Amino acid sequence: MVKKDIIQKFTIDYEVDSKPKVRATVKIEPDYKKIKSTLKNLREIEEITDIWRLSGDCGLFILVEIPSIEKFNPLIEGKISRIDGIKIIETCFITDVIK
């Protein structure tokens, strides 16, 4: 149809997310008796982009991406802290990505 000049132009419809996302790290001390269900529940949270299980007493380390800082407390209080098997949560915001 392009060769026969039936289709002469194409339109690309896309959406650009102009606002950068807020990123934060969250260190979690889990109850290791419930680690499988804790990890399963964490995997289901859309805002969590990465989950690492660390050696020793370090527990779990997760990376979250949220559209704004206002969405952070609802994420921690409404989703992550309600998961059975999470004992302690420590959070840090990423202020600058170096590499």
N, C-alpha and C. Protein backbone atom coordinates (compact mmCIF):
# COMPACT_ATOMS: atom_id res chain seq x y z
N MET A 1 0.82 -1.19 0.00
CA MET A 1 0.00 0.00 0.00
C MET A 1 0.87 1.27 0.00
N VAL A 2 2.02 1.18 0.61
CA VAL A 2 2.94 2.32 0.57
C VAL A 2 3.47 2.51 -0.84
N LYS A 3 3.86 1.41 -1.48
CA LYS A 3 4.41 1.49 -2.83
C LYS A 3 3.39 2.01 -3.83
N LYS A 4 2.11 1.74 -3.58
CA LYS A 4 1.05 2.19 -4.50
C LYS A 4 0.50 3.56 -4.09
N ASP A 5 1.14 4.22 -3.14
CA ASP A 5 0.74 5.54 -2.66
C ASP A 5 -0.66 5.57 -2.04
N ILE A 6 -1.12 4.42 -1.58
CA ILE A 6 -2.38 4.40 -0.84
C ILE A 6 -2.14 4.94 0.57
N ILE A 7 -1.04 4.50 1.16
CA ILE A 7 -0.60 5.04 2.46
C ILE A 7 0.53 6.00 2.17
N GLN A 8 0.34 7.27 2.55
CA GLN A 8 1.36 8.28 2.27
C GLN A 8 2.06 8.78 3.52
N LYS A 9 1.41 8.69 4.66
CA LYS A 9 2.00 9.18 5.91
C LYS A 9 1.70 8.21 7.04
N PHE A 10 2.55 8.26 8.04
CA PHE A 10 2.36 7.47 9.25
C PHE A 10 2.28 8.41 10.44
N THR A 11 1.48 8.05 11.40
CA THR A 11 1.38 8.82 12.64
C THR A 11 1.81 7.92 13.79
N ILE A 12 2.72 8.44 14.59
CA ILE A 12 3.17 7.71 15.77
C ILE A 12 2.52 8.36 16.98
N ASP A 13 1.79 7.58 17.73
CA ASP A 13 1.12 8.07 18.92
C ASP A 13 1.83 7.50 20.14
N TYR A 14 2.46 8.36 20.90
CA TYR A 14 3.19 7.88 22.07
C TYR A 14 3.06 8.91 23.18
N GLU A 15 3.35 8.45 24.38
CA GLU A 15 3.26 9.31 25.55
C GLU A 15 4.63 9.40 26.20
N VAL A 16 5.08 10.60 26.45
CA VAL A 16 6.38 10.79 27.08
C VAL A 16 6.14 11.16 28.54
N ASP A 17 6.77 10.40 29.43
CA ASP A 17 6.69 10.70 30.85
C ASP A 17 7.73 11.78 31.15
N SER A 18 7.27 13.01 31.30
CA SER A 18 8.20 14.12 31.46
C SER A 18 8.73 14.26 32.88
N LYS A 19 8.03 13.72 33.84
CA LYS A 19 8.49 13.84 35.22
C LYS A 19 9.40 12.67 35.57
N PRO A 20 10.57 12.97 36.11
CA PRO A 20 11.43 11.86 36.54
C PRO A 20 10.84 11.20 37.77
N LYS A 21 11.07 9.93 37.90
CA LYS A 21 10.56 9.19 39.04
C LYS A 21 11.46 9.40 40.25
N VAL A 22 10.86 9.30 41.42
CA VAL A 22 11.60 9.36 42.67
C VAL A 22 12.05 7.94 42.98
N ARG A 23 13.34 7.80 43.29
CA ARG A 23 13.87 6.47 43.59
C ARG A 23 14.37 6.44 45.02
N ALA A 24 14.17 5.31 45.67
CA ALA A 24 14.64 5.14 47.04
C ALA A 24 15.07 3.70 47.25
N THR A 25 15.97 3.53 48.21
CA THR A 25 16.35 2.19 48.62
C THR A 25 15.69 1.90 49.95
N VAL A 26 15.37 0.65 50.15
CA VAL A 26 14.74 0.22 51.40
C VAL A 26 15.47 -1.03 51.88
N LYS A 27 15.97 -0.96 53.10
CA LYS A 27 16.61 -2.13 53.72
C LYS A 27 15.59 -2.74 54.66
N ILE A 28 15.41 -4.03 54.53
CA ILE A 28 14.39 -4.73 55.30
C ILE A 28 15.05 -5.83 56.11
N GLU A 29 14.70 -5.88 57.39
CA GLU A 29 15.10 -7.02 58.21
C GLU A 29 13.91 -7.97 58.27
N PRO A 30 14.01 -9.10 57.60
CA PRO A 30 12.88 -10.02 57.56
C PRO A 30 12.92 -11.04 58.69
N ASP A 31 11.78 -11.65 58.93
CA ASP A 31 11.70 -12.82 59.80
C ASP A 31 12.00 -14.01 58.88
N TYR A 32 13.15 -14.63 59.05
CA TYR A 32 13.57 -15.67 58.11
C TYR A 32 12.68 -16.91 58.15
N LYS A 33 11.85 -17.04 59.16
CA LYS A 33 10.88 -18.14 59.19
C LYS A 33 9.79 -17.93 58.14
N LYS A 34 9.62 -16.68 57.72
CA LYS A 34 8.56 -16.33 56.77
C LYS A 34 9.13 -15.74 55.48
N ILE A 35 10.39 -16.01 55.19
CA ILE A 35 11.08 -15.34 54.07
C ILE A 35 10.44 -15.63 52.71
N LYS A 36 9.98 -16.86 52.48
CA LYS A 36 9.40 -17.18 51.16
C LYS A 36 8.13 -16.38 50.91
N SER A 37 7.25 -16.31 51.88
CA SER A 37 6.01 -15.55 51.68
C SER A 37 6.29 -14.05 51.64
N THR A 38 7.28 -13.60 52.41
CA THR A 38 7.66 -12.18 52.39
C THR A 38 8.16 -11.79 51.00
N LEU A 39 9.05 -12.59 50.43
CA LEU A 39 9.56 -12.31 49.08
C LEU A 39 8.46 -12.36 48.04
N LYS A 40 7.56 -13.31 48.17
CA LYS A 40 6.43 -13.42 47.23
C LYS A 40 5.60 -12.14 47.26
N ASN A 41 5.30 -11.66 48.46
CA ASN A 41 4.50 -10.45 48.59
C ASN A 41 5.24 -9.20 48.10
N LEU A 42 6.53 -9.12 48.34
CA LEU A 42 7.31 -7.99 47.84
C LEU A 42 7.34 -7.97 46.32
N ARG A 43 7.46 -9.15 45.69
CA ARG A 43 7.49 -9.23 44.23
C ARG A 43 6.22 -8.69 43.59
N GLU A 44 5.11 -8.75 44.33
CA GLU A 44 3.82 -8.33 43.79
C GLU A 44 3.61 -6.82 43.84
N ILE A 45 4.49 -6.09 44.51
CA ILE A 45 4.33 -4.64 44.62
C ILE A 45 4.95 -3.98 43.39
N GLU A 46 4.13 -3.30 42.64
CA GLU A 46 4.53 -2.72 41.34
C GLU A 46 5.68 -1.72 41.47
N GLU A 47 5.70 -0.94 42.53
CA GLU A 47 6.71 0.11 42.69
C GLU A 47 8.11 -0.43 42.99
N ILE A 48 8.19 -1.68 43.40
CA ILE A 48 9.49 -2.30 43.68
C ILE A 48 10.09 -2.79 42.37
N THR A 49 11.26 -2.24 42.01
CA THR A 49 11.89 -2.61 40.74
C THR A 49 12.96 -3.68 40.91
N ASP A 50 13.59 -3.74 42.08
CA ASP A 50 14.66 -4.71 42.32
C ASP A 50 14.60 -5.18 43.77
N ILE A 51 14.93 -6.45 43.97
CA ILE A 51 15.02 -7.03 45.31
C ILE A 51 16.32 -7.82 45.38
N TRP A 52 17.12 -7.54 46.41
CA TRP A 52 18.36 -8.29 46.63
C TRP A 52 18.32 -8.91 48.01
N ARG A 53 18.75 -10.15 48.10
CA ARG A 53 18.93 -10.80 49.39
C ARG A 53 20.42 -10.72 49.69
N LEU A 54 20.78 -10.12 50.82
CA LEU A 54 22.17 -9.86 51.17
C LEU A 54 22.68 -10.88 52.17
N SER A 55 23.99 -11.00 52.25
CA SER A 55 24.60 -11.98 53.16
C SER A 55 24.61 -11.45 54.59
N GLY A 56 24.85 -12.36 55.51
CA GLY A 56 24.97 -11.98 56.92
C GLY A 56 23.68 -11.43 57.49
N ASP A 57 23.83 -10.43 58.34
CA ASP A 57 22.68 -9.81 59.00
C ASP A 57 22.07 -8.67 58.19
N CYS A 58 22.43 -8.56 56.94
CA CYS A 58 21.98 -7.41 56.13
C CYS A 58 20.54 -7.54 55.65
N GLY A 59 19.99 -8.71 55.59
CA GLY A 59 18.60 -8.89 55.20
C GLY A 59 18.35 -8.68 53.73
N LEU A 60 17.31 -7.90 53.42
CA LEU A 60 16.89 -7.64 52.05
C LEU A 60 17.11 -6.17 51.73
N PHE A 61 17.43 -5.90 50.47
CA PHE A 61 17.64 -4.54 50.00
C PHE A 61 16.79 -4.39 48.76
N ILE A 62 15.90 -3.41 48.74
CA ILE A 62 15.02 -3.23 47.58
C ILE A 62 15.15 -1.81 47.03
N LEU A 63 14.87 -1.69 45.75
CA LEU A 63 14.85 -0.40 45.07
C LEU A 63 13.41 -0.13 44.66
N VAL A 64 12.91 1.07 44.98
CA VAL A 64 11.55 1.43 44.60
C VAL A 64 11.58 2.66 43.71
N GLU A 65 10.62 2.74 42.80
CA GLU A 65 10.43 3.92 41.95
C GLU A 65 8.98 4.36 42.10
N ILE A 66 8.81 5.63 42.44
CA ILE A 66 7.47 6.18 42.62
C ILE A 66 7.36 7.49 41.84
N PRO A 67 6.15 7.87 41.44
CA PRO A 67 6.00 9.07 40.62
C PRO A 67 6.30 10.37 41.37
N SER A 68 6.11 10.38 42.70
CA SER A 68 6.37 11.59 43.47
C SER A 68 6.68 11.22 44.92
N ILE A 69 7.29 12.14 45.64
CA ILE A 69 7.65 11.91 47.03
C ILE A 69 6.41 11.68 47.89
N GLU A 70 5.30 12.27 47.48
CA GLU A 70 4.05 12.10 48.23
C GLU A 70 3.55 10.66 48.22
N LYS A 71 3.99 9.89 47.26
CA LYS A 71 3.56 8.49 47.15
C LYS A 71 4.41 7.55 48.01
N PHE A 72 5.47 8.08 48.63
CA PHE A 72 6.40 7.22 49.36
C PHE A 72 5.81 6.67 50.66
N ASN A 73 5.27 7.54 51.51
CA ASN A 73 4.70 7.04 52.77
C ASN A 73 3.56 6.06 52.55
N PRO A 74 2.63 6.33 51.62
CA PRO A 74 1.60 5.32 51.37
C PRO A 74 2.17 3.97 50.92
N LEU A 75 3.27 4.01 50.17
CA LEU A 75 3.91 2.76 49.74
C LEU A 75 4.48 2.01 50.94
N ILE A 76 5.21 2.72 51.80
CA ILE A 76 5.82 2.08 52.97
C ILE A 76 4.75 1.66 53.97
N GLU A 77 3.87 2.59 54.34
CA GLU A 77 2.88 2.32 55.37
C GLU A 77 1.73 1.44 54.89
N GLY A 78 1.32 1.63 53.65
CA GLY A 78 0.15 0.92 53.15
C GLY A 78 0.43 -0.41 52.49
N LYS A 79 1.66 -0.62 52.04
CA LYS A 79 1.96 -1.87 51.34
C LYS A 79 3.09 -2.65 52.01
N ILE A 80 4.29 -2.07 52.03
CA ILE A 80 5.47 -2.82 52.46
C ILE A 80 5.40 -3.20 53.94
N SER A 81 5.07 -2.25 54.81
CA SER A 81 5.08 -2.55 56.25
C SER A 81 3.96 -3.49 56.68
N ARG A 82 2.97 -3.68 55.85
CA ARG A 82 1.85 -4.58 56.17
C ARG A 82 2.15 -6.05 55.84
N ILE A 83 3.26 -6.28 55.19
CA ILE A 83 3.61 -7.65 54.82
C ILE A 83 4.06 -8.41 56.07
N ASP A 84 3.43 -9.55 56.30
CA ASP A 84 3.80 -10.40 57.42
C ASP A 84 5.21 -10.94 57.20
N GLY A 85 6.06 -10.79 58.20
CA GLY A 85 7.42 -11.28 58.09
C GLY A 85 8.45 -10.18 57.97
N ILE A 86 8.00 -8.92 57.94
CA ILE A 86 8.93 -7.80 57.91
C ILE A 86 9.03 -7.22 59.31
N LYS A 87 10.27 -7.21 59.84
CA LYS A 87 10.47 -6.73 61.21
C LYS A 87 10.90 -5.27 61.25
N ILE A 88 11.90 -4.88 60.48
CA ILE A 88 12.44 -3.52 60.51
C ILE A 88 12.61 -3.01 59.08
N ILE A 89 12.27 -1.73 58.87
CA ILE A 89 12.42 -1.09 57.56
C ILE A 89 13.27 0.17 57.73
N GLU A 90 14.30 0.31 56.90
CA GLU A 90 15.12 1.53 56.86
C GLU A 90 15.08 2.05 55.43
N THR A 91 14.84 3.35 55.26
CA THR A 91 14.72 3.91 53.91
C THR A 91 15.75 5.01 53.65
N CYS A 92 16.15 5.14 52.40
CA CYS A 92 17.05 6.21 51.95
C CYS A 92 16.63 6.63 50.55
N PHE A 93 16.53 7.95 50.33
CA PHE A 93 16.23 8.45 49.00
C PHE A 93 17.50 8.60 48.19
N ILE A 94 17.41 8.30 46.92
CA ILE A 94 18.54 8.49 46.01
C ILE A 94 18.50 9.94 45.54
N THR A 95 19.55 10.70 45.86
CA THR A 95 19.58 12.11 45.50
C THR A 95 20.35 12.38 44.22
N ASP A 96 21.29 11.47 43.88
CA ASP A 96 22.09 11.66 42.68
C ASP A 96 22.63 10.32 42.23
N VAL A 97 22.53 10.03 40.95
CA VAL A 97 23.09 8.80 40.39
C VAL A 97 24.44 9.15 39.80
N ILE A 98 25.50 8.54 40.31
CA ILE A 98 26.85 8.84 39.87
C ILE A 98 27.25 7.97 38.68
N LYS A 99 26.91 6.71 38.73
CA LYS A 99 27.25 5.79 37.64
C LYS A 99 26.16 4.75 37.48
